[in-house]
Amino acid sequence: MKMIMAIVGKDDEMETSAQLMAKGYFVTKIATSGGFLKRKHVTLMIGTEDEKVDQAIAIIQKYAGERKTVKYTNLAAPSGPISPGMNYTVPINVEVGGSTIFVMNVERFEKM
């Protein structure tokens, strides 16, 4: 028996949990925060049999893994004698998401 603790972003938590539960995993959620940017996270606790750990990690990676996306930001161009100050919308490639996963041995498990 193993305990998977997966720290995922708040934005990824609902879909990740839904996909895990659809595959028969029992998921307990704990709201957490931390890290350099103090962003909100959710820690998913998943108890499972040893042979199902890799499948659970694959689901977490698919729905809460790092991915690239395009964000648009406004940049103001300086005004000068030739051109007035203007705002430009510029696409920027950014990485979003990501998770941290711990897998631990469970010495004893009881469901009452």
C-alpha atoms as a PDB file:
ATOM      1  CA  MET A   1       0.000   0.000   0.000  1.00  0.00           C
ATOM      2  CA  LYS A   2       1.233   3.500  -0.856  1.00  0.00           C
ATOM      3  CA  MET A   3       0.226   7.050   0.031  1.00  0.00           C
ATOM      4  CA  ILE A   4       0.607   9.584  -2.756  1.00  0.00           C
ATOM      5  CA  MET A   5       0.734  13.209  -1.678  1.00  0.00           C
ATOM      6  CA  ALA A   6       0.483  15.493  -4.702  1.00  0.00           C
ATOM      7  CA  ILE A   7       0.727  19.258  -4.319  1.00  0.00           C
ATOM      8  CA  VAL A   8      -1.096  20.783  -7.297  1.00  0.00           C
ATOM      9  CA  GLY A   9      -2.131  24.298  -8.219  1.00  0.00           C
ATOM     10  CA  LYS A  10      -5.609  25.441  -7.233  1.00  0.00           C
ATOM     11  CA  ASP A  11      -6.489  25.884 -10.911  1.00  0.00           C
ATOM     12  CA  ASP A  12      -5.673  22.233 -11.695  1.00  0.00           C
ATOM     13  CA  GLU A  13      -7.205  20.620  -8.612  1.00  0.00           C
ATOM     14  CA  MET A  14     -10.801  20.051  -9.750  1.00  0.00           C
ATOM     15  CA  GLU A  15     -10.036  18.344 -13.068  1.00  0.00           C
ATOM     16  CA  THR A  16      -7.182  16.312 -11.577  1.00  0.00           C
ATOM     17  CA  SER A  17      -9.376  15.088  -8.706  1.00  0.00           C
ATOM     18  CA  ALA A  18     -12.258  14.285 -11.056  1.00  0.00           C
ATOM     19  CA  GLN A  19     -10.014  12.226 -13.339  1.00  0.00           C
ATOM     20  CA  LEU A  20      -8.484  10.342 -10.401  1.00  0.00           C
ATOM     21  CA  MET A  21     -11.918   9.560  -8.946  1.00  0.00           C
ATOM     22  CA  ALA A  22     -13.182   8.461 -12.377  1.00  0.00           C
ATOM     23  CA  LYS A  23     -10.428   5.813 -12.342  1.00  0.00           C
ATOM     24  CA  GLY A  24     -11.465   4.598  -8.883  1.00  0.00           C
ATOM     25  CA  TYR A  25      -9.007   6.438  -6.651  1.00  0.00           C
ATOM     26  CA  PHE A  26     -10.168   7.897  -3.346  1.00  0.00           C
ATOM     27  CA  VAL A  27      -8.894  11.462  -3.005  1.00  0.00           C
ATOM     28  CA  THR A  28      -8.691  13.638   0.103  1.00  0.00           C
ATOM     29  CA  LYS A  29      -8.019  17.333  -0.527  1.00  0.00           C
ATOM     30  CA  ILE A  30      -6.262  19.758   1.811  1.00  0.00           C
ATOM     31  CA  ALA A  31      -5.984  23.473   0.966  1.00  0.00           C
ATOM     32  CA  THR A  32      -2.358  24.603   1.213  1.00  0.00           C
ATOM     33  CA  SER A  33      -0.243  27.585   0.269  1.00  0.00           C
ATOM     34  CA  GLY A  34       3.405  28.357   0.190  1.00  0.00           C
ATOM     35  CA  GLY A  35       6.425  28.740  -1.957  1.00  0.00           C
ATOM     36  CA  PHE A  36       8.118  31.877  -3.117  1.00  0.00           C
ATOM     37  CA  LEU A  37       5.001  33.414  -4.681  1.00  0.00           C
ATOM     38  CA  LYS A  38       2.614  32.301  -1.890  1.00  0.00           C
ATOM     39  CA  ARG A  39       0.190  30.875  -4.437  1.00  0.00           C
ATOM     40  CA  LYS A  40      -2.733  28.720  -3.371  1.00  0.00           C
ATOM     41  CA  HIS A  41      -2.332  24.994  -3.811  1.00  0.00           C
ATOM     42  CA  VAL A  42      -4.225  21.864  -2.929  1.00  0.00           C
ATOM     43  CA  THR A  43      -2.546  18.780  -1.505  1.00  0.00           C
ATOM     44  CA  LEU A  44      -4.202  15.610  -2.758  1.00  0.00           C
ATOM     45  CA  MET A  45      -3.804  12.549  -0.552  1.00  0.00           C
ATOM     46  CA  ILE A  46      -4.370   9.296  -2.421  1.00  0.00           C
ATOM     47  CA  GLY A  47      -4.090   5.882  -0.800  1.00  0.00           C
ATOM     48  CA  THR A  48      -3.623   3.104  -3.348  1.00  0.00           C
ATOM     49  CA  GLU A  49      -2.159  -0.301  -4.056  1.00  0.00           C
ATOM     50  CA  ASP A  50       1.471  -0.431  -5.179  1.00  0.00           C
ATOM     51  CA  GLU A  51       0.623  -1.469  -8.742  1.00  0.00           C
ATOM     52  CA  LYS A  52      -1.714   1.533  -9.254  1.00  0.00           C
ATOM     53  CA  VAL A  53       0.821   4.231  -8.286  1.00  0.00           C
ATOM     54  CA  ASP A  54       2.185   4.764 -11.806  1.00  0.00           C
ATOM     55  CA  GLN A  55      -1.316   5.196 -13.251  1.00  0.00           C
ATOM     56  CA  ALA A  56      -2.176   7.800 -10.591  1.00  0.00           C
ATOM     57  CA  ILE A  57       1.048   9.702 -11.263  1.00  0.00           C
ATOM     58  CA  ALA A  58       0.322   9.667 -15.011  1.00  0.00           C
ATOM     59  CA  ILE A  59      -3.117  11.203 -14.366  1.00  0.00           C
ATOM     60  CA  ILE A  60      -1.626  13.882 -12.113  1.00  0.00           C
ATOM     61  CA  GLN A  61       1.050  14.651 -14.700  1.00  0.00           C
ATOM     62  CA  LYS A  62      -1.533  14.950 -17.484  1.00  0.00           C
ATOM     63  CA  TYR A  63      -3.920  17.257 -15.629  1.00  0.00           C
ATOM     64  CA  ALA A  64      -1.591  19.105 -13.229  1.00  0.00           C
ATOM     65  CA  GLY A  65       1.784  18.943 -14.959  1.00  0.00           C
ATOM     66  CA  GLU A  66       3.772  21.868 -16.292  1.00  0.00           C
ATOM     67  CA  ARG A  67       2.636  23.137 -19.636  1.00  0.00           C
ATOM     68  CA  LYS A  68       3.327  26.078 -21.877  1.00  0.00           C
ATOM     69  CA  THR A  69       0.727  28.680 -22.704  1.00  0.00           C
ATOM     70  CA  VAL A  70       0.624  32.132 -24.236  1.00  0.00           C
ATOM     71  CA  LYS A  71      -0.292  35.103 -22.078  1.00  0.00           C
ATOM     72  CA  TYR A  72      -0.821  38.557 -23.492  1.00  0.00           C
ATOM     73  CA  THR A  73       0.547  41.610 -21.765  1.00  0.00           C
ATOM     74  CA  ASN A  74       0.385  45.304 -22.528  1.00  0.00           C
ATOM     75  CA  LEU A  75       3.618  47.169 -23.085  1.00  0.00           C
ATOM     76  CA  ALA A  76       3.731  50.928 -23.267  1.00  0.00           C
ATOM     77  CA  ALA A  77       6.066  52.376 -25.872  1.00  0.00           C
ATOM     78  CA  PRO A  78       7.799  55.589 -24.848  1.00  0.00           C
ATOM     79  CA  SER A  79       6.480  58.727 -26.461  1.00  0.00           C
ATOM     80  CA  GLY A  80       8.826  60.894 -28.440  1.00  0.00           C
ATOM     81  CA  PRO A  81       8.844  63.600 -31.082  1.00  0.00           C
ATOM     82  CA  ILE A  82       8.192  61.097 -33.883  1.00  0.00           C
ATOM     83  CA  SER A  83       5.566  58.850 -32.291  1.00  0.00           C
ATOM     84  CA  PRO A  84       3.077  59.370 -29.512  1.00  0.00           C
ATOM     85  CA  GLY A  85       3.096  56.911 -26.615  1.00  0.00           C
ATOM     86  CA  MET A  86       1.225  53.771 -27.602  1.00  0.00           C
ATOM     87  CA  ASN A  87       0.268  50.533 -25.923  1.00  0.00           C
ATOM     88  CA  TYR A  88       1.146  47.272 -27.602  1.00  0.00           C
ATOM     89  CA  THR A  89      -0.260  43.858 -26.768  1.00  0.00           C
ATOM     90  CA  VAL A  90       2.568  41.355 -26.815  1.00  0.00           C
ATOM     91  CA  PRO A  91       2.288  37.548 -26.562  1.00  0.00           C
ATOM     92  CA  ILE A  92       4.633  35.955 -24.019  1.00  0.00           C
ATOM     93  CA  ASN A  93       5.244  32.215 -23.690  1.00  0.00           C
ATOM     94  CA  VAL A  94       4.983  31.146 -20.048  1.00  0.00           C
ATOM     95  CA  GLU A  95       5.028  27.865 -18.144  1.00  0.00           C
ATOM     96  CA  VAL A  96       2.014  27.251 -15.918  1.00  0.00           C
ATOM     97  CA  GLY A  97       0.899  24.447 -13.673  1.00  0.00           C
ATOM     98  CA  GLY A  98       3.182  21.860 -12.241  1.00  0.00           C
ATOM     99  CA  SER A  99       2.956  19.592  -9.245  1.00  0.00           C
ATOM    100  CA  THR A 100       5.134  18.012  -6.587  1.00  0.00           C
ATOM    101  CA  ILE A 101       4.503  14.355  -5.802  1.00  0.00           C
ATOM    102  CA  PHE A 102       5.586  12.280  -2.808  1.00  0.00           C
ATOM    103  CA  VAL A 103       5.026   8.511  -2.662  1.00  0.00           C
ATOM    104  CA  MET A 104       5.296   6.900   0.776  1.00  0.00           C
ATOM    105  CA  ASN A 105       4.927   3.399   2.126  1.00  0.00           C
ATOM    106  CA  VAL A 106       1.857   2.814   4.295  1.00  0.00           C
ATOM    107  CA  GLU A 107       2.559   0.508   7.194  1.00  0.00           C
ATOM    108  CA  ARG A 108      -1.083   0.083   8.117  1.00  0.00           C
ATOM    109  CA  PHE A 109      -4.380   1.071   6.532  1.00  0.00           C
ATOM    110  CA  GLU A 110      -7.863   0.657   7.967  1.00  0.00           C
ATOM    111  CA  LYS A 111     -11.148   1.931   6.617  1.00  0.00           C
ATOM    112  CA  MET A 112     -13.940   1.940   9.195  1.00  0.00           C
END
